[in-house]
């Protein structure tokens, strides 16, 4: 199963994200966000980066709102705090609340190249649904 796939959207960037479980969907969404934004020159383990684990709790009115709020928080981590996500796991995920454990490191222009500048996570054409094979979401980002 593909973790995510880009799709074209006028002046914006769309991602279709998949996961076998809702937890995997959210973890894949976090990784997809950073994968489209950042290109790593060397893998974190190879360069001996100073990784740290950050735990966050996010809430939303429903699963779609929860996904948008989660991605917005991660986008703030990059733009506001200068953190790059390396890995994510979701120990708890309901329809209105999730807990994420994220392995992050500080952005370093010698180790990270910015591929795509994402300005915002939008609700435009947002969808999150359970499918026969797991979960699928479509999210559009303002670039």
C-alpha atoms as a PDB file:
ATOM      1  CA  UNK A   1       0.000   0.000   0.000  1.00  0.00           C
ATOM      2  CA  UNK A   2       1.350   3.425  -0.964  1.00  0.00           C
ATOM      3  CA  UNK A   3       1.725   5.805   1.963  1.00  0.00           C
ATOM      4  CA  UNK A   4       0.773   8.864  -0.068  1.00  0.00           C
ATOM      5  CA  UNK A   5       0.449  10.249  -3.576  1.00  0.00           C
ATOM      6  CA  UNK A   6       0.485  13.811  -4.880  1.00  0.00           C
ATOM      7  CA  UNK A   7      -2.335  15.121  -7.033  1.00  0.00           C
ATOM      8  CA  UNK A   8      -2.576  18.331  -8.996  1.00  0.00           C
ATOM      9  CA  UNK A   9      -4.687  21.190  -7.734  1.00  0.00           C
ATOM     10  CA  UNK A  10      -4.703  24.707  -9.171  1.00  0.00           C
ATOM     11  CA  UNK A  11      -2.027  26.797  -7.398  1.00  0.00           C
ATOM     12  CA  UNK A  12      -1.992  24.384  -4.465  1.00  0.00           C
ATOM     13  CA  UNK A  13      -0.646  20.947  -3.569  1.00  0.00           C
ATOM     14  CA  UNK A  14      -2.883  17.976  -2.907  1.00  0.00           C
ATOM     15  CA  UNK A  15      -1.989  14.735  -1.149  1.00  0.00           C
ATOM     16  CA  UNK A  16      -3.916  11.510  -0.989  1.00  0.00           C
ATOM     17  CA  UNK A  17      -2.723   9.623   2.076  1.00  0.00           C
ATOM     18  CA  UNK A  18      -3.429   5.975   2.942  1.00  0.00           C
ATOM     19  CA  UNK A  19      -3.006   3.725   5.944  1.00  0.00           C
ATOM     20  CA  UNK A  20      -4.169   0.294   7.017  1.00  0.00           C
ATOM     21  CA  UNK A  21      -5.372   1.797  10.295  1.00  0.00           C
ATOM     22  CA  UNK A  22      -6.389   5.294  11.368  1.00  0.00           C
ATOM     23  CA  UNK A  23      -3.181   5.530  13.414  1.00  0.00           C
ATOM     24  CA  UNK A  24      -1.097   4.610  10.371  1.00  0.00           C
ATOM     25  CA  UNK A  25      -3.014   7.146   8.263  1.00  0.00           C
ATOM     26  CA  UNK A  26      -2.067   9.949  10.663  1.00  0.00           C
ATOM     27  CA  UNK A  27       1.564   8.805  10.905  1.00  0.00           C
ATOM     28  CA  UNK A  28       1.783   8.645   7.106  1.00  0.00           C
ATOM     29  CA  UNK A  29       0.211  12.104   6.819  1.00  0.00           C
ATOM     30  CA  UNK A  30       2.900  13.541   9.087  1.00  0.00           C
ATOM     31  CA  UNK A  31       5.672  11.894   7.073  1.00  0.00           C
ATOM     32  CA  UNK A  32       4.093  12.962   3.767  1.00  0.00           C
ATOM     33  CA  UNK A  33       3.968  16.597   4.897  1.00  0.00           C
ATOM     34  CA  UNK A  34       7.685  16.650   5.639  1.00  0.00           C
ATOM     35  CA  UNK A  35       8.576  14.531   2.626  1.00  0.00           C
ATOM     36  CA  UNK A  36       7.074  17.083   0.237  1.00  0.00           C
ATOM     37  CA  UNK A  37       8.637  20.005   2.142  1.00  0.00           C
ATOM     38  CA  UNK A  38      12.153  18.787   2.927  1.00  0.00           C
ATOM     39  CA  UNK A  39      14.880  16.826   1.181  1.00  0.00           C
ATOM     40  CA  UNK A  40      17.472  15.401   3.532  1.00  0.00           C
ATOM     41  CA  UNK A  41      21.052  15.484   2.284  1.00  0.00           C
ATOM     42  CA  UNK A  42      22.176  12.732   4.679  1.00  0.00           C
ATOM     43  CA  UNK A  43      19.923  10.412   6.680  1.00  0.00           C
ATOM     44  CA  UNK A  44      19.684  11.511  10.351  1.00  0.00           C
ATOM     45  CA  UNK A  45      21.410   8.388  11.686  1.00  0.00           C
ATOM     46  CA  UNK A  46      24.329   8.777   9.255  1.00  0.00           C
ATOM     47  CA  UNK A  47      25.032  12.383  10.223  1.00  0.00           C
ATOM     48  CA  UNK A  48      24.618  11.835  13.961  1.00  0.00           C
ATOM     49  CA  UNK A  49      21.883  14.468  14.330  1.00  0.00           C
ATOM     50  CA  UNK A  50      20.496  15.353  17.711  1.00  0.00           C
ATOM     51  CA  UNK A  51      17.064  13.840  17.564  1.00  0.00           C
ATOM     52  CA  UNK A  52      14.530  14.279  20.330  1.00  0.00           C
ATOM     53  CA  UNK A  53      11.077  12.865  20.957  1.00  0.00           C
ATOM     54  CA  UNK A  54       8.176  15.288  21.242  1.00  0.00           C
ATOM     55  CA  UNK A  55       4.697  14.188  22.273  1.00  0.00           C
ATOM     56  CA  UNK A  56       1.657  16.200  21.295  1.00  0.00           C
ATOM     57  CA  UNK A  57      -2.058  15.876  21.862  1.00  0.00           C
ATOM     58  CA  UNK A  58      -4.372  17.307  19.224  1.00  0.00           C
ATOM     59  CA  UNK A  59      -8.142  17.658  19.220  1.00  0.00           C
ATOM     60  CA  UNK A  60     -10.724  18.236  16.519  1.00  0.00           C
ATOM     61  CA  UNK A  61     -14.472  18.315  15.983  1.00  0.00           C
ATOM     62  CA  UNK A  62     -14.283  15.173  13.801  1.00  0.00           C
ATOM     63  CA  UNK A  63     -11.661  13.026  12.064  1.00  0.00           C
ATOM     64  CA  UNK A  64     -11.140  15.518   9.228  1.00  0.00           C
ATOM     65  CA  UNK A  65     -10.745  18.453  11.592  1.00  0.00           C
ATOM     66  CA  UNK A  66      -8.385  16.338  13.700  1.00  0.00           C
ATOM     67  CA  UNK A  67      -6.194  15.638  10.659  1.00  0.00           C
ATOM     68  CA  UNK A  68      -6.065  19.316   9.667  1.00  0.00           C
ATOM     69  CA  UNK A  69      -5.239  20.396  13.233  1.00  0.00           C
ATOM     70  CA  UNK A  70      -2.524  17.733  13.491  1.00  0.00           C
ATOM     71  CA  UNK A  71      -0.887  18.789  10.219  1.00  0.00           C
ATOM     72  CA  UNK A  72      -1.183  22.469  11.167  1.00  0.00           C
ATOM     73  CA  UNK A  73       0.610  21.773  14.441  1.00  0.00           C
ATOM     74  CA  UNK A  74       3.411  19.965  12.599  1.00  0.00           C
ATOM     75  CA  UNK A  75       3.669  22.795  10.072  1.00  0.00           C
ATOM     76  CA  UNK A  76       4.031  25.204  13.014  1.00  0.00           C
ATOM     77  CA  UNK A  77       6.780  22.982  14.408  1.00  0.00           C
ATOM     78  CA  UNK A  78       8.722  23.538  11.200  1.00  0.00           C
ATOM     79  CA  UNK A  79       7.913  27.198  10.503  1.00  0.00           C
ATOM     80  CA  UNK A  80       7.759  28.427  14.101  1.00  0.00           C
ATOM     81  CA  UNK A  81      10.169  26.185  15.989  1.00  0.00           C
ATOM     82  CA  UNK A  82      12.532  25.036  13.228  1.00  0.00           C
ATOM     83  CA  UNK A  83      11.944  21.318  13.786  1.00  0.00           C
ATOM     84  CA  UNK A  84      12.087  18.680  11.059  1.00  0.00           C
ATOM     85  CA  UNK A  85      10.090  15.505  11.594  1.00  0.00           C
ATOM     86  CA  UNK A  86      12.016  12.254  11.072  1.00  0.00           C
ATOM     87  CA  UNK A  87       9.498   9.697  12.374  1.00  0.00           C
ATOM     88  CA  UNK A  88       6.027   9.660  13.879  1.00  0.00           C
ATOM     89  CA  UNK A  89       3.947   7.131  15.747  1.00  0.00           C
ATOM     90  CA  UNK A  90       0.401   7.504  16.983  1.00  0.00           C
ATOM     91  CA  UNK A  91      -0.147   5.619  20.249  1.00  0.00           C
ATOM     92  CA  UNK A  92      -3.758   6.857  20.612  1.00  0.00           C
ATOM     93  CA  UNK A  93      -6.198   8.030  17.953  1.00  0.00           C
ATOM     94  CA  UNK A  94      -9.934   8.508  18.262  1.00  0.00           C
ATOM     95  CA  UNK A  95     -12.334  10.523  16.139  1.00  0.00           C
ATOM     96  CA  UNK A  96     -11.753  13.758  18.062  1.00  0.00           C
ATOM     97  CA  UNK A  97      -8.378  13.372  19.794  1.00  0.00           C
ATOM     98  CA  UNK A  98      -4.967  11.911  19.078  1.00  0.00           C
ATOM     99  CA  UNK A  99      -1.627  11.570  20.778  1.00  0.00           C
ATOM    100  CA  UNK A 100       1.464  11.561  18.588  1.00  0.00           C
ATOM    101  CA  UNK A 101       5.058  10.771  19.454  1.00  0.00           C
ATOM    102  CA  UNK A 102       7.326  12.478  16.968  1.00  0.00           C
ATOM    103  CA  UNK A 103      11.072  12.200  16.520  1.00  0.00           C
ATOM    104  CA  UNK A 104      12.353  15.604  15.437  1.00  0.00           C
ATOM    105  CA  UNK A 105      15.621  17.412  14.906  1.00  0.00           C
ATOM    106  CA  UNK A 106      16.476  21.062  14.356  1.00  0.00           C
ATOM    107  CA  UNK A 107      16.414  22.353  10.801  1.00  0.00           C
ATOM    108  CA  UNK A 108      19.926  22.796   9.418  1.00  0.00           C
ATOM    109  CA  UNK A 109      20.373  24.343   5.962  1.00  0.00           C
ATOM    110  CA  UNK A 110      23.491  22.196   5.456  1.00  0.00           C
ATOM    111  CA  UNK A 111      21.511  19.007   6.053  1.00  0.00           C
ATOM    112  CA  UNK A 112      18.031  19.898   4.778  1.00  0.00           C
ATOM    113  CA  UNK A 113      16.926  21.395   1.484  1.00  0.00           C
ATOM    114  CA  UNK A 114      13.502  23.004   1.226  1.00  0.00           C
ATOM    115  CA  UNK A 115      11.703  21.416  -1.731  1.00  0.00           C
ATOM    116  CA  UNK A 116       8.259  22.967  -1.343  1.00  0.00           C
ATOM    117  CA  UNK A 117       7.205  25.813   0.909  1.00  0.00           C
ATOM    118  CA  UNK A 118       3.836  24.994   2.423  1.00  0.00           C
ATOM    119  CA  UNK A 119       1.989  28.005   3.808  1.00  0.00           C
ATOM    120  CA  UNK A 120      -1.109  26.356   5.236  1.00  0.00           C
ATOM    121  CA  UNK A 121      -3.206  23.219   5.583  1.00  0.00           C
ATOM    122  CA  UNK A 122      -6.697  23.814   4.196  1.00  0.00           C
ATOM    123  CA  UNK A 123     -10.179  22.354   4.588  1.00  0.00           C
ATOM    124  CA  UNK A 124     -10.796  22.733   0.838  1.00  0.00           C
ATOM    125  CA  UNK A 125     -12.033  19.375  -0.530  1.00  0.00           C
ATOM    126  CA  UNK A 126     -10.856  17.645   2.669  1.00  0.00           C
ATOM    127  CA  UNK A 127     -11.926  14.028   3.020  1.00  0.00           C
ATOM    128  CA  UNK A 128     -11.091  11.253   5.455  1.00  0.00           C
ATOM    129  CA  UNK A 129     -12.778   7.900   5.017  1.00  0.00           C
ATOM    130  CA  UNK A 130     -12.578   4.272   6.002  1.00  0.00           C
ATOM    131  CA  UNK A 131     -12.222   2.019   2.970  1.00  0.00           C
ATOM    132  CA  UNK A 132     -12.252  -1.742   2.411  1.00  0.00           C
ATOM    133  CA  UNK A 133      -8.452  -1.831   2.738  1.00  0.00           C
ATOM    134  CA  UNK A 134      -7.991   0.734   5.528  1.00  0.00           C
ATOM    135  CA  UNK A 135      -8.167   4.536   5.635  1.00  0.00           C
ATOM    136  CA  UNK A 136      -7.743   7.220   2.984  1.00  0.00           C
ATOM    137  CA  UNK A 137      -7.535  11.009   3.251  1.00  0.00           C
ATOM    138  CA  UNK A 138      -7.258  13.857   0.747  1.00  0.00           C
ATOM    139  CA  UNK A 139      -5.739  17.118   1.930  1.00  0.00           C
ATOM    140  CA  UNK A 140      -4.930  20.292   0.015  1.00  0.00           C
ATOM    141  CA  UNK A 141      -2.072  22.560   1.100  1.00  0.00           C
ATOM    142  CA  UNK A 142      -1.653  26.216   0.255  1.00  0.00           C
ATOM    143  CA  UNK A 143       1.809  26.660  -1.314  1.00  0.00           C
END
